[in-house]
Protein backbone atom coordinates (compact mmCIF):
# COMPACT_ATOMS: atom_id res chain seq x y z
CA MET A 1 -174.01 144.42 -7.61
CA ILE A 2 -177.11 145.41 -5.62
CA PRO A 3 -180.08 143.50 -7.08
CA GLY A 4 -182.27 146.59 -7.17
CA PHE A 5 -182.91 149.91 -8.85
CA VAL A 6 -180.69 152.34 -6.93
CA TRP A 7 -180.41 156.07 -7.50
CA SER A 8 -179.30 159.20 -5.72
CA ALA A 9 -180.08 162.85 -6.21
CA ARG A 10 -178.48 166.18 -5.45
CA ALA A 11 -179.95 168.30 -2.66
CA ASP A 12 -182.18 170.04 -5.24
CA GLY A 13 -183.63 166.69 -6.34
CA ALA A 14 -181.84 166.29 -9.69
CA ILE A 15 -180.70 162.74 -10.44
CA GLU A 16 -177.01 162.32 -9.64
CA PHE A 17 -176.60 158.55 -9.99
CA LEU A 18 -178.54 155.61 -11.41
CA ASN A 19 -177.04 152.15 -11.08
CA GLN A 20 -176.55 149.74 -13.98
CA ARG A 21 -179.79 147.87 -13.19
CA GLY A 22 -181.75 151.15 -13.40
CA LEU A 23 -180.05 152.11 -16.65
CA ALA A 24 -180.82 148.68 -18.11
CA TYR A 25 -184.46 148.89 -16.98
CA THR A 26 -184.99 152.33 -18.54
CA GLY A 27 -182.81 151.78 -21.60
CA LEU A 28 -181.24 155.20 -21.03
CA SER A 29 -177.59 156.13 -20.80
CA SER A 30 -176.28 157.88 -17.72
CA GLN A 31 -175.57 160.97 -19.88
CA LYS A 32 -179.26 161.22 -20.77
CA ILE A 33 -180.64 160.96 -17.23
CA LEU A 34 -178.04 162.55 -14.94
CA GLY A 35 -178.91 166.09 -13.89
CA GLN A 36 -182.61 165.57 -14.72
CA SER A 37 -185.54 165.23 -12.36
CA TRP A 38 -187.74 162.18 -12.83
CA ASN A 39 -190.46 164.46 -14.24
CA ASN A 40 -188.11 165.92 -16.87
CA THR A 41 -187.72 162.48 -18.43
CA ASP A 42 -190.29 160.47 -20.36
CA LEU A 43 -189.99 157.67 -17.80
CA VAL A 44 -192.87 158.56 -15.48
CA HIS A 45 -196.36 157.46 -16.50
CA PRO A 46 -198.35 160.52 -17.62
CA ASP A 47 -201.06 159.82 -15.01
CA ASP A 48 -198.46 159.80 -12.23
CA SER A 49 -196.26 162.69 -13.32
CA GLN A 50 -198.00 165.56 -11.52
CA GLY A 51 -198.46 163.61 -8.28
CA LEU A 52 -194.83 162.50 -8.30
CA LEU A 53 -193.66 166.07 -8.90
CA GLU A 54 -195.79 167.44 -6.06
CA ALA A 55 -194.74 164.69 -3.65
CA TRP A 56 -191.05 165.01 -4.55
CA ASN A 57 -191.11 168.80 -4.16
CA SER A 58 -192.76 168.37 -0.76
CA ILE A 59 -190.13 165.85 0.33
CA VAL A 60 -187.24 168.02 -0.88
CA ALA A 61 -188.73 171.01 0.97
CA SER A 62 -189.18 169.00 4.18
CA GLY A 63 -185.72 167.44 4.13
CA GLU A 64 -187.21 164.32 5.75
CA PRO A 65 -187.25 160.65 4.66
CA ASP A 66 -190.38 159.53 2.81
CA GLU A 67 -191.81 157.26 0.13
CA ILE A 68 -193.52 157.87 -3.22
CA GLN A 69 -195.16 155.44 -5.64
CA ALA A 70 -195.22 155.95 -9.40
CA ARG A 71 -195.07 153.94 -12.59
CA LEU A 72 -191.85 154.04 -14.60
CA ARG A 73 -191.44 153.12 -18.24
CA ARG A 74 -189.29 150.13 -19.00
CA PHE A 75 -186.99 150.14 -22.07
CA ASP A 76 -189.71 148.32 -24.08
CA GLY A 77 -192.44 150.87 -23.25
CA GLU A 78 -194.16 148.87 -20.50
CA TYR A 79 -194.89 150.69 -17.22
CA ARG A 80 -194.33 149.11 -13.80
CA TRP A 81 -195.07 150.43 -10.31
CA PHE A 82 -192.11 151.48 -8.19
CA LEU A 83 -191.84 152.54 -4.58
CA PHE A 84 -189.28 155.33 -4.31
CA ARG A 85 -187.78 155.40 -0.82
CA VAL A 86 -185.78 158.52 -0.14
CA ALA A 87 -183.62 159.59 2.76
CA PRO A 88 -181.58 162.76 3.16
CA LEU A 89 -177.80 162.67 3.39
CA ARG A 90 -176.44 165.46 5.57
CA ASP A 91 -172.93 166.80 6.12
CA ASP A 92 -171.34 167.27 9.55
CA SER A 93 -173.09 170.62 9.98
CA GLY A 94 -176.52 169.11 9.26
CA ARG A 95 -176.86 170.65 5.79
CA LEU A 96 -178.68 168.43 3.31
CA VAL A 97 -176.22 167.49 0.54
CA ALA A 98 -177.95 164.63 -1.31
CA TRP A 99 -180.85 162.20 -1.38
């Protein structure tokens, strides 16, 4: 019921969850997107794909919270800018387990 596009990723950065609003925006089923990285989908604007990949890899390597901007394709083919805010989720021993 959150009025936003909410997602989570495994420690390696692969998409683990996308809420109903995100699925409706993209027009994809959860089966199609889960386990993928944003760059392994056709959702990221071609001009933003490489920058998003580099920024995401840097964030995953750092294990620190950060932000990335990129355009994502809506179900009708239109691209819109999104601000991805990411924060690590750690277990009791401090090991990063999800984003």
